[in-house]
Amino acid sequence: MSRIGRKAIEVPAGVTVKISAQAVEVQGPKGRLATPVPRGLEFRQEGNQLLVRPQTMPAAEVRKEELDRLTHSDKATWGLARALAANAIRGVTQGYSKELEIVGVGYKAEVQGKKALFSLGYSQPVEYPIPDGIQMSVEKQTRVTVSGIDKQLVGQVAKEIRSLRPPDPYKQKGIRFVGELLRKKAGKAAATATK
């Protein structure tokens, strides 16, 4: 059974939810997001709670025999739809952010309008256009914060920035997420010295 899908989503004060057959539109203090409604599911708002249910189930309660008729992919889709709606509600109220740090001599970043410039040891600085809906800030030239209301977009932009110069396995130079654990490889000289 979909344990995540059955949970109600709390709708905080100041957030309006508009439900249609194709999408759930959420508007809050930070902006507006829409999440699609998968086929076979329906959203319903009761007071300050948003519920997701398969269309074949009665609205009041979910019985075990009805759950047993659902396939594994139906249950997974149910949980996914609920998670996407919960992420949208959190995004328009609190927002999301990811922090990256730049490690290396001479490596730095700066934001210029709608683009970010990264000096990462290449012959030219790397220019990264900042997408709509994303805010980027640089602190001390080596700490980049990516923030926005769309969780998927924030994660994608942070991953693209990290891929500009992934951490080197030997010296650990490059761009990494704050708190990311990296496994450092021993160099050739260190490997032969132990024999």
N, C-alpha and C. Protein backbone atom coordinates (compact mmCIF):
# COMPACT_ATOMS: atom_id res chain seq x y z
N MET A 1 0.84 -1.17 0.00
CA MET A 1 0.00 0.00 0.00
C MET A 1 0.88 1.24 0.00
N SER A 2 0.39 2.32 -0.54
CA SER A 2 1.17 3.55 -0.61
C SER A 2 1.05 4.30 0.71
N ARG A 3 2.08 4.17 1.54
CA ARG A 3 2.04 4.84 2.83
C ARG A 3 2.16 6.34 2.66
N ILE A 4 2.96 6.77 1.70
CA ILE A 4 3.14 8.20 1.47
C ILE A 4 1.88 8.79 0.84
N GLY A 5 1.29 8.10 -0.13
CA GLY A 5 0.12 8.62 -0.82
C GLY A 5 -1.07 8.83 0.08
N ARG A 6 -1.21 8.02 1.12
CA ARG A 6 -2.37 8.12 2.01
C ARG A 6 -2.28 9.31 2.97
N LYS A 7 -1.07 9.85 3.19
CA LYS A 7 -0.91 10.96 4.14
C LYS A 7 -1.53 12.24 3.59
N ALA A 8 -2.19 12.97 4.46
CA ALA A 8 -2.75 14.26 4.06
C ALA A 8 -1.64 15.31 4.04
N ILE A 9 -1.76 16.28 3.14
CA ILE A 9 -0.80 17.37 3.04
C ILE A 9 -1.40 18.59 3.74
N GLU A 10 -0.66 19.14 4.69
CA GLU A 10 -1.12 20.33 5.40
C GLU A 10 -0.96 21.54 4.49
N VAL A 11 -2.01 22.32 4.33
CA VAL A 11 -1.96 23.56 3.53
C VAL A 11 -1.88 24.72 4.52
N PRO A 12 -0.72 25.40 4.60
CA PRO A 12 -0.59 26.49 5.58
C PRO A 12 -1.44 27.70 5.20
N ALA A 13 -1.62 28.59 6.16
CA ALA A 13 -2.37 29.82 5.92
C ALA A 13 -1.61 30.67 4.90
N GLY A 14 -2.34 31.32 4.01
CA GLY A 14 -1.70 32.15 2.98
C GLY A 14 -1.41 31.41 1.70
N VAL A 15 -1.73 30.11 1.65
CA VAL A 15 -1.51 29.30 0.44
C VAL A 15 -2.87 28.94 -0.14
N THR A 16 -3.04 29.20 -1.43
CA THR A 16 -4.28 28.82 -2.11
C THR A 16 -4.00 27.68 -3.07
N VAL A 17 -4.90 26.72 -3.10
CA VAL A 17 -4.75 25.54 -3.97
C VAL A 17 -5.92 25.53 -4.94
N LYS A 18 -5.59 25.41 -6.23
CA LYS A 18 -6.60 25.34 -7.28
C LYS A 18 -6.45 23.99 -7.97
N ILE A 19 -7.50 23.18 -7.91
CA ILE A 19 -7.44 21.81 -8.43
C ILE A 19 -8.24 21.71 -9.73
N SER A 20 -7.59 21.15 -10.76
CA SER A 20 -8.29 20.84 -12.01
C SER A 20 -7.99 19.39 -12.35
N ALA A 21 -8.55 18.90 -13.44
CA ALA A 21 -8.35 17.50 -13.82
C ALA A 21 -6.91 17.23 -14.26
N GLN A 22 -6.22 18.25 -14.78
CA GLN A 22 -4.87 18.05 -15.30
C GLN A 22 -3.76 18.45 -14.32
N ALA A 23 -4.02 19.44 -13.45
CA ALA A 23 -2.95 19.95 -12.60
C ALA A 23 -3.50 20.49 -11.29
N VAL A 24 -2.59 20.56 -10.33
CA VAL A 24 -2.86 21.22 -9.04
C VAL A 24 -1.98 22.45 -9.01
N GLU A 25 -2.61 23.62 -8.93
CA GLU A 25 -1.87 24.89 -8.92
C GLU A 25 -1.83 25.43 -7.50
N VAL A 26 -0.63 25.74 -7.04
CA VAL A 26 -0.43 26.20 -5.66
C VAL A 26 0.16 27.61 -5.72
N GLN A 27 -0.43 28.53 -4.96
CA GLN A 27 0.09 29.90 -4.92
C GLN A 27 0.31 30.28 -3.47
N GLY A 28 1.49 30.86 -3.19
CA GLY A 28 1.83 31.25 -1.84
C GLY A 28 2.63 32.54 -1.83
N PRO A 29 3.22 32.88 -0.68
CA PRO A 29 3.95 34.14 -0.58
C PRO A 29 5.16 34.23 -1.50
N LYS A 30 5.78 33.10 -1.84
CA LYS A 30 6.99 33.15 -2.67
C LYS A 30 6.73 32.99 -4.16
N GLY A 31 5.53 32.59 -4.56
CA GLY A 31 5.23 32.44 -5.98
C GLY A 31 4.16 31.42 -6.25
N ARG A 32 4.16 30.93 -7.50
CA ARG A 32 3.13 30.00 -7.96
C ARG A 32 3.80 28.81 -8.65
N LEU A 33 3.29 27.61 -8.34
CA LEU A 33 3.78 26.38 -8.96
C LEU A 33 2.59 25.51 -9.35
N ALA A 34 2.77 24.71 -10.38
CA ALA A 34 1.75 23.75 -10.80
C ALA A 34 2.38 22.37 -10.90
N THR A 35 1.66 21.38 -10.43
CA THR A 35 2.13 20.00 -10.51
C THR A 35 1.07 19.17 -11.24
N PRO A 36 1.47 18.28 -12.14
CA PRO A 36 0.48 17.52 -12.91
C PRO A 36 -0.24 16.48 -12.06
N VAL A 37 -1.46 16.16 -12.47
CA VAL A 37 -2.25 15.10 -11.82
C VAL A 37 -2.17 13.86 -12.71
N PRO A 38 -1.56 12.77 -12.24
CA PRO A 38 -1.46 11.56 -13.06
C PRO A 38 -2.84 10.95 -13.31
N ARG A 39 -2.94 10.22 -14.41
CA ARG A 39 -4.20 9.56 -14.77
C ARG A 39 -4.58 8.56 -13.68
N GLY A 40 -5.84 8.54 -13.31
CA GLY A 40 -6.33 7.60 -12.32
C GLY A 40 -6.31 8.12 -10.90
N LEU A 41 -5.79 9.33 -10.67
CA LEU A 41 -5.75 9.91 -9.33
C LEU A 41 -6.57 11.18 -9.29
N GLU A 42 -7.03 11.54 -8.11
CA GLU A 42 -7.75 12.80 -7.94
C GLU A 42 -7.31 13.47 -6.64
N PHE A 43 -7.23 14.79 -6.68
CA PHE A 43 -6.89 15.59 -5.51
C PHE A 43 -8.18 16.20 -4.97
N ARG A 44 -8.23 16.35 -3.64
CA ARG A 44 -9.38 16.93 -3.01
C ARG A 44 -8.90 17.75 -1.81
N GLN A 45 -9.47 18.93 -1.60
CA GLN A 45 -9.10 19.74 -0.46
C GLN A 45 -10.24 19.72 0.56
N GLU A 46 -9.87 19.38 1.80
CA GLU A 46 -10.83 19.38 2.90
C GLU A 46 -10.27 20.28 4.00
N GLY A 47 -10.81 21.48 4.10
CA GLY A 47 -10.31 22.43 5.10
C GLY A 47 -8.89 22.85 4.77
N ASN A 48 -7.97 22.61 5.71
CA ASN A 48 -6.57 22.95 5.46
C ASN A 48 -5.74 21.71 5.11
N GLN A 49 -6.37 20.68 4.56
CA GLN A 49 -5.67 19.47 4.15
C GLN A 49 -5.95 19.16 2.69
N LEU A 50 -4.90 18.70 2.01
CA LEU A 50 -5.02 18.28 0.61
C LEU A 50 -4.84 16.76 0.59
N LEU A 51 -5.79 16.06 -0.03
CA LEU A 51 -5.77 14.60 -0.07
C LEU A 51 -5.63 14.11 -1.51
N VAL A 52 -4.93 13.00 -1.66
CA VAL A 52 -4.77 12.34 -2.96
C VAL A 52 -5.34 10.94 -2.84
N ARG A 53 -6.18 10.56 -3.79
CA ARG A 53 -6.79 9.22 -3.77
C ARG A 53 -6.92 8.70 -5.19
N PRO A 54 -6.81 7.38 -5.37
CA PRO A 54 -7.17 6.80 -6.65
C PRO A 54 -8.66 7.03 -6.91
N GLN A 55 -9.03 7.24 -8.15
CA GLN A 55 -10.43 7.54 -8.49
C GLN A 55 -11.36 6.37 -8.19
N THR A 56 -10.82 5.14 -8.12
CA THR A 56 -11.65 3.96 -7.89
C THR A 56 -12.03 3.79 -6.43
N MET A 57 -11.37 4.53 -5.52
CA MET A 57 -11.63 4.36 -4.09
C MET A 57 -12.65 5.39 -3.60
N PRO A 58 -13.47 5.00 -2.63
CA PRO A 58 -14.41 5.98 -2.07
C PRO A 58 -13.64 7.07 -1.33
N ALA A 59 -14.23 8.24 -1.26
CA ALA A 59 -13.56 9.39 -0.68
C ALA A 59 -13.32 9.25 0.81
N ALA A 60 -14.25 8.61 1.54
CA ALA A 60 -14.19 8.62 2.99
C ALA A 60 -13.04 7.78 3.55
N GLU A 61 -12.92 6.54 3.13
CA GLU A 61 -11.91 5.67 3.72
C GLU A 61 -11.31 4.75 2.66
N VAL A 62 -10.12 4.26 2.98
CA VAL A 62 -9.41 3.36 2.08
C VAL A 62 -9.44 1.97 2.70
N ARG A 63 -10.01 1.00 2.00
CA ARG A 63 -10.09 -0.37 2.51
C ARG A 63 -8.96 -1.21 1.95
N LYS A 64 -8.57 -2.23 2.72
CA LYS A 64 -7.45 -3.09 2.33
C LYS A 64 -7.73 -3.82 1.02
N GLU A 65 -8.95 -4.32 0.81
CA GLU A 65 -9.24 -5.06 -0.43
C GLU A 65 -9.15 -4.15 -1.65
N GLU A 66 -9.45 -2.85 -1.48
CA GLU A 66 -9.31 -1.91 -2.59
C GLU A 66 -7.85 -1.62 -2.88
N LEU A 67 -7.05 -1.56 -1.82
CA LEU A 67 -5.61 -1.36 -2.00
C LEU A 67 -4.96 -2.54 -2.69
N ASP A 68 -5.43 -3.75 -2.40
CA ASP A 68 -4.84 -4.95 -3.00
C ASP A 68 -5.07 -5.02 -4.51
N ARG A 69 -6.10 -4.34 -4.99
CA ARG A 69 -6.37 -4.33 -6.43
C ARG A 69 -5.42 -3.41 -7.21
N LEU A 70 -4.75 -2.50 -6.51
CA LEU A 70 -3.83 -1.59 -7.19
C LEU A 70 -2.53 -2.30 -7.53
N THR A 71 -1.96 -1.98 -8.69
CA THR A 71 -0.68 -2.56 -9.07
C THR A 71 0.44 -1.79 -8.37
N HIS A 72 1.64 -2.34 -8.46
CA HIS A 72 2.80 -1.70 -7.83
C HIS A 72 3.05 -0.31 -8.43
N SER A 73 2.91 -0.19 -9.75
CA SER A 73 3.15 1.12 -10.39
C SER A 73 2.06 2.12 -10.02
N ASP A 74 0.82 1.65 -9.81
CA ASP A 74 -0.25 2.56 -9.36
C ASP A 74 0.07 3.13 -7.99
N LYS A 75 0.56 2.28 -7.10
CA LYS A 75 0.92 2.74 -5.75
C LYS A 75 2.09 3.71 -5.80
N ALA A 76 3.06 3.42 -6.66
CA ALA A 76 4.22 4.31 -6.79
C ALA A 76 3.81 5.67 -7.34
N THR A 77 2.92 5.68 -8.32
CA THR A 77 2.43 6.93 -8.90
C THR A 77 1.64 7.73 -7.87
N TRP A 78 0.88 7.05 -7.05
CA TRP A 78 0.11 7.69 -5.99
C TRP A 78 1.04 8.42 -5.02
N GLY A 79 2.08 7.73 -4.58
CA GLY A 79 3.06 8.33 -3.66
C GLY A 79 3.81 9.49 -4.31
N LEU A 80 4.16 9.33 -5.59
CA LEU A 80 4.87 10.39 -6.31
C LEU A 80 4.02 11.64 -6.44
N ALA A 81 2.75 11.48 -6.79
CA ALA A 81 1.86 12.63 -6.95
C ALA A 81 1.71 13.38 -5.64
N ARG A 82 1.60 12.65 -4.54
CA ARG A 82 1.49 13.29 -3.23
C ARG A 82 2.78 14.04 -2.88
N ALA A 83 3.94 13.42 -3.15
CA ALA A 83 5.22 14.05 -2.84
C ALA A 83 5.44 15.32 -3.66
N LEU A 84 5.07 15.29 -4.94
CA LEU A 84 5.23 16.48 -5.79
C LEU A 84 4.34 17.63 -5.31
N ALA A 85 3.12 17.32 -4.89
CA ALA A 85 2.23 18.36 -4.38
C ALA A 85 2.76 18.93 -3.06
N ALA A 86 3.28 18.06 -2.18
CA ALA A 86 3.84 18.53 -0.91
C ALA A 86 5.07 19.40 -1.15
N ASN A 87 5.90 19.03 -2.13
CA ASN A 87 7.08 19.83 -2.46
C ASN A 87 6.69 21.20 -3.00
N ALA A 88 5.61 21.24 -3.80
CA ALA A 88 5.15 22.53 -4.34
C ALA A 88 4.66 23.44 -3.22
N ILE A 89 3.93 22.88 -2.26
CA ILE A 89 3.42 23.68 -1.14
C ILE A 89 4.58 24.20 -0.29
N ARG A 90 5.56 23.35 -0.03
CA ARG A 90 6.72 23.81 0.74
C ARG A 90 7.52 24.85 -0.05
N GLY A 91 7.60 24.68 -1.36
CA GLY A 91 8.35 25.62 -2.19
C GLY A 91 7.77 27.02 -2.17
N VAL A 92 6.44 27.14 -2.26
CA VAL A 92 5.83 28.48 -2.30
C VAL A 92 5.77 29.12 -0.92
N THR A 93 6.02 28.36 0.15
CA THR A 93 6.02 28.95 1.49
C THR A 93 7.45 29.18 2.01
N GLN A 94 8.31 28.17 1.90
CA GLN A 94 9.67 28.27 2.45
C GLN A 94 10.75 28.37 1.38
N GLY A 95 10.55 27.71 0.25
CA GLY A 95 11.57 27.69 -0.79
C GLY A 95 12.61 26.60 -0.53
N TYR A 96 13.49 26.41 -1.49
CA TYR A 96 14.55 25.41 -1.41
C TYR A 96 15.88 26.07 -1.71
N SER A 97 16.95 25.52 -1.16
CA SER A 97 18.28 26.03 -1.48
C SER A 97 19.31 24.92 -1.39
N LYS A 98 20.34 25.04 -2.19
CA LYS A 98 21.48 24.12 -2.16
C LYS A 98 22.73 24.97 -2.11
N GLU A 99 23.70 24.52 -1.31
CA GLU A 99 24.96 25.25 -1.20
C GLU A 99 26.09 24.41 -1.77
N LEU A 100 26.96 25.10 -2.52
CA LEU A 100 28.13 24.45 -3.10
C LEU A 100 29.37 25.21 -2.65
N GLU A 101 30.48 24.50 -2.54
CA GLU A 101 31.73 25.18 -2.22
C GLU A 101 32.76 24.88 -3.30
N ILE A 102 33.59 25.88 -3.56
CA ILE A 102 34.61 25.77 -4.59
C ILE A 102 35.95 25.64 -3.89
N VAL A 103 36.68 24.57 -4.18
CA VAL A 103 37.96 24.30 -3.54
C VAL A 103 39.04 24.27 -4.62
N GLY A 104 40.10 25.04 -4.43
CA GLY A 104 41.21 25.06 -5.38
C GLY A 104 41.85 26.43 -5.42
N VAL A 105 43.14 26.48 -5.65
CA VAL A 105 43.86 27.75 -5.69
C VAL A 105 43.43 28.52 -6.94
N GLY A 106 42.94 29.73 -6.74
CA GLY A 106 42.50 30.57 -7.84
C GLY A 106 41.10 30.28 -8.34
N TYR A 107 40.44 29.26 -7.79
CA TYR A 107 39.08 28.95 -8.19
C TYR A 107 38.12 29.91 -7.48
N LYS A 108 37.21 30.51 -8.23
CA LYS A 108 36.26 31.45 -7.63
C LYS A 108 35.04 31.60 -8.52
N ALA A 109 34.02 32.28 -7.97
CA ALA A 109 32.78 32.51 -8.71
C ALA A 109 32.29 33.92 -8.43
N GLU A 110 31.51 34.46 -9.37
CA GLU A 110 30.85 35.74 -9.17
C GLU A 110 29.59 35.78 -10.01
N VAL A 111 28.60 36.52 -9.52
CA VAL A 111 27.32 36.66 -10.23
C VAL A 111 27.29 38.05 -10.86
N GLN A 112 26.98 38.07 -12.17
CA GLN A 112 26.85 39.34 -12.91
C GLN A 112 25.49 39.34 -13.60
N GLY A 113 24.51 39.97 -12.97
CA GLY A 113 23.17 40.03 -13.55
C GLY A 113 22.54 38.66 -13.62
N LYS A 114 22.21 38.21 -14.85
CA LYS A 114 21.55 36.91 -15.05
C LYS A 114 22.53 35.82 -15.47
N LYS A 115 23.81 35.98 -15.11
CA LYS A 115 24.79 34.94 -15.41
C LYS A 115 25.80 34.84 -14.27
N ALA A 116 26.40 33.68 -14.15
CA ALA A 116 27.44 33.45 -13.14
C ALA A 116 28.73 33.11 -13.87
N LEU A 117 29.84 33.67 -13.41
CA LEU A 117 31.15 33.41 -14.00
C LEU A 117 31.97 32.58 -13.02
N PHE A 118 32.53 31.48 -13.50
CA PHE A 118 33.34 30.60 -12.67
C PHE A 118 34.76 30.54 -13.23
N SER A 119 35.75 30.83 -12.40
CA SER A 119 37.16 30.64 -12.75
C SER A 119 37.58 29.32 -12.12
N LEU A 120 37.79 28.31 -12.97
CA LEU A 120 37.99 26.94 -12.46
C LEU A 120 39.26 26.29 -13.00
N GLY A 121 40.26 27.11 -13.34
CA GLY A 121 41.52 26.56 -13.82
C GLY A 121 41.56 26.31 -15.31
N TYR A 122 40.50 26.65 -16.03
CA TYR A 122 40.50 26.54 -17.48
C TYR A 122 41.11 27.81 -18.06
N SER A 123 41.37 27.83 -19.37
CA SER A 123 41.98 29.00 -20.00
C SER A 123 41.03 30.21 -20.00
N GLN A 124 39.73 29.96 -20.01
CA GLN A 124 38.73 31.03 -19.98
C GLN A 124 37.76 30.80 -18.83
N PRO A 125 37.19 31.88 -18.28
CA PRO A 125 36.15 31.67 -17.26
C PRO A 125 34.93 30.98 -17.87
N VAL A 126 34.26 30.15 -17.09
CA VAL A 126 33.07 29.43 -17.54
C VAL A 126 31.86 30.29 -17.20
N GLU A 127 31.03 30.56 -18.22
CA GLU A 127 29.84 31.38 -18.03
C GLU A 127 28.62 30.47 -17.92
N TYR A 128 27.83 30.66 -16.86
CA TYR A 128 26.63 29.85 -16.66
C TYR A 128 25.42 30.78 -16.59
N PRO A 129 24.46 30.67 -17.55
CA PRO A 129 23.27 31.52 -17.50
C PRO A 129 22.32 31.03 -16.39
N ILE A 130 21.87 31.96 -15.56
CA ILE A 130 20.97 31.61 -14.45
C ILE A 130 19.55 31.52 -14.99
N PRO A 131 18.88 30.36 -14.86
CA PRO A 131 17.52 30.21 -15.39
C PRO A 131 16.50 31.05 -14.62
N ASP A 132 15.36 31.30 -15.24
CA ASP A 132 14.27 32.01 -14.57
C ASP A 132 13.79 31.19 -13.39
N GLY A 133 13.47 31.85 -12.29
CA GLY A 133 12.98 31.17 -11.10
C GLY A 133 14.08 30.74 -10.15
N ILE A 134 15.33 31.04 -10.50
CA ILE A 134 16.48 30.67 -9.66
C ILE A 134 17.22 31.93 -9.24
N GLN A 135 17.55 32.00 -7.94
CA GLN A 135 18.40 33.07 -7.44
C GLN A 135 19.74 32.44 -7.04
N MET A 136 20.81 33.14 -7.36
CA MET A 136 22.14 32.63 -7.04
C MET A 136 22.92 33.72 -6.34
N SER A 137 23.59 33.35 -5.26
CA SER A 137 24.43 34.31 -4.54
C SER A 137 25.77 33.66 -4.25
N VAL A 138 26.82 34.50 -4.21
CA VAL A 138 28.17 34.01 -3.97
C VAL A 138 28.70 34.72 -2.72
N GLU A 139 29.26 33.93 -1.81
CA GLU A 139 29.79 34.45 -0.56
C GLU A 139 31.28 34.12 -0.51
N LYS A 140 32.12 35.12 -0.30
CA LYS A 140 33.58 34.97 -0.21
C LYS A 140 34.18 34.35 -1.47
N GLN A 141 33.53 34.46 -2.59
CA GLN A 141 33.97 33.97 -3.91
C GLN A 141 34.09 32.46 -4.01
N THR A 142 33.86 31.72 -2.92
CA THR A 142 34.02 30.26 -2.98
C THR A 142 32.81 29.49 -2.48
N ARG A 143 31.76 30.19 -2.08
CA ARG A 143 30.55 29.50 -1.60
C ARG A 143 29.37 30.01 -2.40
N VAL A 144 28.73 29.11 -3.15
CA VAL A 144 27.62 29.46 -4.03
C VAL A 144 26.33 28.91 -3.44
N THR A 145 25.30 29.75 -3.35
CA THR A 145 23.99 29.32 -2.87
C THR A 145 23.00 29.44 -4.01
N VAL A 146 22.35 28.33 -4.35
CA VAL A 146 21.32 28.28 -5.39
C VAL A 146 19.99 28.13 -4.67
N SER A 147 19.04 29.04 -4.93
CA SER A 147 17.75 28.95 -4.25
C SER A 147 16.61 29.25 -5.22
N GLY A 148 15.42 28.76 -4.86
CA GLY A 148 14.22 28.94 -5.67
C GLY A 148 13.05 28.21 -5.05
N ILE A 149 11.90 28.26 -5.73
CA ILE A 149 10.71 27.61 -5.18
C ILE A 149 10.49 26.21 -5.75
N ASP A 150 11.11 25.89 -6.89
CA ASP A 150 10.93 24.59 -7.53
C ASP A 150 12.08 23.66 -7.12
N LYS A 151 11.78 22.63 -6.33
CA LYS A 151 12.81 21.73 -5.80
C LYS A 151 13.60 21.06 -6.92
N GLN A 152 12.90 20.60 -7.95
CA GLN A 152 13.56 19.91 -9.05
C GLN A 152 14.53 20.84 -9.78
N LEU A 153 14.11 22.07 -10.04
CA LEU A 153 14.95 23.03 -10.76
C LEU A 153 16.16 23.44 -9.94
N VAL A 154 15.99 23.64 -8.63
CA VAL A 154 17.11 24.00 -7.76
C VAL A 154 18.15 22.88 -7.77
N GLY A 155 17.71 21.64 -7.64
CA GLY A 155 18.62 20.50 -7.66
C GLY A 155 19.33 20.34 -8.99
N GLN A 156 18.60 20.56 -10.09
CA GLN A 156 19.19 20.42 -11.42
C GLN A 156 20.25 21.48 -11.66
N VAL A 157 19.98 22.73 -11.30
CA VAL A 157 20.95 23.81 -11.48
C VAL A 157 22.19 23.56 -10.63
N ALA A 158 22.00 23.13 -9.38
CA ALA A 158 23.14 22.85 -8.50
C ALA A 158 24.00 21.72 -9.08
N LYS A 159 23.36 20.70 -9.63
CA LYS A 159 24.10 19.58 -10.22
C LYS A 159 24.86 20.02 -11.48
N GLU A 160 24.25 20.89 -12.29
CA GLU A 160 24.92 21.40 -13.49
C GLU A 160 26.14 22.24 -13.11
N ILE A 161 26.03 23.05 -12.06
CA ILE A 161 27.17 23.85 -11.60
C ILE A 161 28.27 22.93 -11.09
N ARG A 162 27.90 21.90 -10.34
CA ARG A 162 28.91 20.95 -9.84
C ARG A 162 29.63 20.27 -10.99
N SER A 163 28.92 19.99 -12.08
CA SER A 163 29.53 19.28 -13.22
C SER A 163 30.49 20.16 -14.02
N LEU A 164 30.52 21.47 -13.76
CA LEU A 164 31.49 22.33 -14.45
C LEU A 164 32.92 21.95 -14.09
N ARG A 165 33.13 21.53 -12.85
CA ARG A 165 34.44 21.05 -12.39
C ARG A 165 34.22 20.10 -11.21
N PRO A 166 33.90 18.82 -11.50
CA PRO A 166 33.67 17.86 -10.41
C PRO A 166 34.93 17.71 -9.56
N PRO A 167 34.79 17.33 -8.29
CA PRO A 167 35.96 17.19 -7.42
C PRO A 167 36.95 16.16 -7.95
N ASP A 168 38.23 16.53 -7.91
CA ASP A 168 39.31 15.65 -8.32
C ASP A 168 39.49 14.57 -7.25
N PRO A 169 39.55 13.28 -7.62
CA PRO A 169 39.66 12.24 -6.59
C PRO A 169 41.00 12.23 -5.84
N TYR A 170 42.03 12.89 -6.38
CA TYR A 170 43.34 12.88 -5.74
C TYR A 170 43.56 14.09 -4.83
N LYS A 171 43.31 15.29 -5.35
CA LYS A 171 43.55 16.50 -4.55
C LYS A 171 42.27 17.14 -4.03
N GLN A 172 41.10 16.61 -4.44
CA GLN A 172 39.80 17.09 -3.99
C GLN A 172 39.47 18.51 -4.47
N LYS A 173 40.18 18.99 -5.49
CA LYS A 173 39.88 20.32 -6.03
C LYS A 173 38.66 20.26 -6.93
N GLY A 174 37.85 21.31 -6.93
CA GLY A 174 36.67 21.37 -7.78
C GLY A 174 35.48 21.92 -7.03
N ILE A 175 34.29 21.69 -7.59
CA ILE A 175 33.05 22.17 -6.98
C ILE A 175 32.34 20.98 -6.34
N ARG A 176 31.91 21.16 -5.09
CA ARG A 176 31.20 20.09 -4.38
C ARG A 176 30.07 20.68 -3.56
N PHE A 177 29.11 19.81 -3.21
CA PHE A 177 28.03 20.23 -2.32
C PHE A 177 28.59 20.40 -0.91
N VAL A 178 28.07 21.34 -0.15
CA VAL A 178 28.49 21.52 1.23
C VAL A 178 28.08 20.28 2.02
N GLY A 179 29.04 19.67 2.70
CA GLY A 179 28.77 18.46 3.48
C GLY A 179 28.92 17.17 2.69
N GLU A 180 29.24 17.25 1.40
CA GLU A 180 29.39 16.05 0.58
C GLU A 180 30.64 15.28 1.00
N LEU A 181 30.51 13.98 1.19
CA LEU A 181 31.65 13.15 1.56
C LEU A 181 32.33 12.64 0.30
N LEU A 182 33.63 12.87 0.22
CA LEU A 182 34.39 12.43 -0.94
C LEU A 182 35.43 11.42 -0.50
N ARG A 183 35.65 10.42 -1.33
CA ARG A 183 36.68 9.44 -1.05
C ARG A 183 37.96 9.86 -1.78
N LYS A 184 39.00 10.10 -1.01
CA LYS A 184 40.26 10.54 -1.58
C LYS A 184 41.11 9.34 -1.96
N LYS A 185 41.60 9.34 -3.21
CA LYS A 185 42.45 8.25 -3.68
C LYS A 185 43.91 8.55 -3.33
N ALA A 186 44.64 7.50 -3.02
CA ALA A 186 46.07 7.66 -2.78
C ALA A 186 46.78 7.78 -4.12
N GLY A 187 47.78 8.61 -4.18
CA GLY A 187 48.53 8.80 -5.42
C GLY A 187 49.44 7.62 -5.69
N LYS A 188 50.10 7.66 -6.85
CA LYS A 188 50.96 6.56 -7.25
C LYS A 188 52.15 6.43 -6.30
N ALA A 189 52.76 7.54 -5.89
CA ALA A 189 53.90 7.51 -5.01
C ALA A 189 53.52 6.93 -3.65
N ALA A 190 52.36 7.28 -3.15
CA ALA A 190 51.91 6.77 -1.85
C ALA A 190 51.62 5.28 -1.93
N ALA A 191 51.15 4.81 -3.06
CA ALA A 191 50.82 3.39 -3.22
C ALA A 191 52.08 2.55 -3.26
N THR A 192 53.15 3.02 -3.91
CA THR A 192 54.38 2.24 -4.02
C THR A 192 55.22 2.33 -2.74
N ALA A 193 55.06 3.40 -1.97
CA ALA A 193 55.83 3.56 -0.74
C ALA A 193 55.43 2.53 0.33
N THR A 194 54.22 2.06 0.27
CA THR A 194 53.74 1.10 1.28
C THR A 194 54.22 -0.32 1.02
N LYS A 195 54.75 -0.61 -0.16
CA LYS A 195 55.17 -1.98 -0.48
C LYS A 195 56.50 -2.31 0.14
